[in-house]
Amino acid sequence: MSDQSLIKAIQEIQSGLVDAQLAKGLVKKRVAQSGRGKQISARTLVATYFEARWFFIFGFSKNEKSNITAKELQWLMSFAQQLLGLSEQELSMAIEVGELYEIKPEST
């Protein structure tokens, strides 16, 4: 998935286009892959409180995995809460050392 397709997915979520709200801080969103429509593209799980932070934490193609398991959901919810609880300093450090990758919209 390209950075631009992920940015577009965030814009859609901000507009209320969410495929599923799985738990507090965790939503599922379809993301179109280059040359493919959303119906046959990737599903992503995004950690967010619908504010300034958006973390893509898991993605899968529907043809490779039908859905996540209950055990995976529990782990992903815990991971989402950890990410969303990072301080600005912790977040900056994680980006600096390469633990997280930051995507920014292109300037116009």
Protein backbone atom coordinates (compact mmCIF):
# COMPACT_ATOMS: atom_id res chain seq x y z
CA MET A 1 0.00 0.00 0.00
CA SER A 2 1.25 3.44 -0.79
CA ASP A 3 1.53 6.24 1.74
CA GLN A 4 -1.08 8.15 -0.25
CA SER A 5 -3.60 5.29 -0.05
CA LEU A 6 -3.10 5.20 3.73
CA ILE A 7 -3.55 8.98 3.99
CA LYS A 8 -6.73 8.70 1.92
CA ALA A 9 -7.98 5.98 4.29
CA ILE A 10 -7.46 8.31 7.27
CA GLN A 11 -9.36 11.08 5.49
CA GLU A 12 -12.22 8.66 4.87
CA ILE A 13 -12.26 7.58 8.52
CA GLN A 14 -12.36 11.24 9.57
CA SER A 15 -15.41 11.63 7.30
CA GLY A 16 -17.15 8.74 9.06
CA LEU A 17 -16.38 6.00 6.54
CA VAL A 18 -15.35 3.18 8.89
CA ASP A 19 -15.85 -0.49 8.01
CA ALA A 20 -16.05 -1.57 11.65
CA GLN A 21 -15.37 -0.14 15.08
CA LEU A 22 -13.88 -3.19 16.79
CA ALA A 23 -13.14 -1.75 20.22
CA LYS A 24 -12.26 1.52 21.87
CA GLY A 25 -9.31 2.81 19.89
CA LEU A 26 -9.37 0.13 17.17
CA VAL A 27 -11.16 0.39 13.82
CA LYS A 28 -11.13 -1.67 10.63
CA LYS A 29 -10.82 0.07 7.28
CA ARG A 30 -10.53 -1.23 3.72
CA VAL A 31 -7.64 0.31 1.81
CA ALA A 32 -7.42 0.16 -1.96
CA GLN A 33 -4.18 -1.16 -3.36
CA SER A 34 -2.75 0.19 -6.58
CA GLY A 35 -4.86 -0.98 -9.51
CA ARG A 36 -7.43 -2.76 -7.34
CA GLY A 37 -10.75 -1.71 -5.90
CA LYS A 38 -11.49 -1.71 -2.19
CA GLN A 39 -13.63 -4.85 -2.33
CA ILE A 40 -10.61 -7.04 -3.13
CA SER A 41 -7.90 -5.00 -1.46
CA ALA A 42 -6.42 -4.93 2.01
CA ARG A 43 -8.16 -4.66 5.33
CA THR A 44 -6.28 -2.61 7.89
CA LEU A 45 -6.66 -2.15 11.60
CA VAL A 46 -6.06 1.39 12.79
CA ALA A 47 -5.45 2.51 16.35
CA THR A 48 -7.03 5.93 16.89
CA TYR A 49 -9.14 8.07 19.16
CA PHE A 50 -10.25 9.99 16.01
CA GLU A 51 -7.96 12.89 16.84
CA ALA A 52 -4.38 13.60 15.79
CA ARG A 53 -2.91 10.09 16.06
CA TRP A 54 -3.53 7.33 13.58
CA PHE A 55 -1.53 4.08 13.71
CA PHE A 56 -1.87 1.40 11.03
CA ILE A 57 -1.07 -1.65 13.13
CA PHE A 58 -2.16 -4.64 11.04
CA GLY A 59 -3.16 -5.33 7.47
CA PHE A 60 -4.25 -8.34 5.47
CA SER A 61 -5.72 -9.24 2.11
CA LYS A 62 -9.17 -10.79 2.30
CA ASN A 63 -8.05 -13.57 -0.07
CA GLU A 64 -5.22 -14.50 2.35
CA LYS A 65 -7.06 -14.22 5.67
CA SER A 66 -10.81 -14.04 6.17
CA ASN A 67 -10.67 -12.26 9.52
CA ILE A 68 -8.67 -11.92 12.72
CA THR A 69 -9.11 -14.36 15.59
CA ALA A 70 -10.39 -13.42 19.04
CA LYS A 71 -6.87 -13.92 20.42
CA GLU A 72 -5.40 -11.62 17.75
CA LEU A 73 -8.09 -9.02 18.50
CA GLN A 74 -7.22 -9.04 22.21
CA TRP A 75 -3.50 -8.57 21.45
CA LEU A 76 -4.20 -5.84 18.87
CA MET A 77 -6.47 -3.96 21.30
CA SER A 78 -3.70 -4.03 23.91
CA PHE A 79 -1.12 -2.88 21.37
CA ALA A 80 -3.43 -0.08 20.18
CA GLN A 81 -3.82 1.19 23.75
CA GLN A 82 -0.04 1.17 24.22
CA LEU A 83 0.50 3.18 21.03
CA LEU A 84 -2.24 5.66 21.82
CA GLY A 85 -0.81 6.13 25.31
CA LEU A 86 2.65 7.19 24.12
CA SER A 87 3.80 10.65 25.14
CA GLU A 88 4.98 13.05 22.44
CA GLN A 89 8.59 12.37 23.52
CA GLU A 90 8.11 8.58 23.37
CA LEU A 91 6.46 8.86 19.98
CA SER A 92 9.25 11.05 18.59
CA MET A 93 11.88 8.62 19.89
CA ALA A 94 10.11 5.60 18.37
CA ILE A 95 10.05 7.37 14.99
CA GLU A 96 13.68 8.46 15.34
CA VAL A 97 14.96 4.93 16.05
CA GLY A 98 12.79 3.37 13.33
CA GLU A 99 10.29 1.53 15.52
CA LEU A 100 7.49 3.54 13.92
CA TYR A 101 7.22 5.02 10.45
CA GLU A 102 5.54 8.39 10.09
CA ILE A 103 3.46 9.22 7.03
CA LYS A 104 2.81 12.86 6.26
CA PRO A 105 0.58 14.31 3.56
CA GLU A 106 2.50 15.94 0.74
CA SER A 107 2.64 19.72 0.97
CA THR A 108 0.82 21.57 -1.75
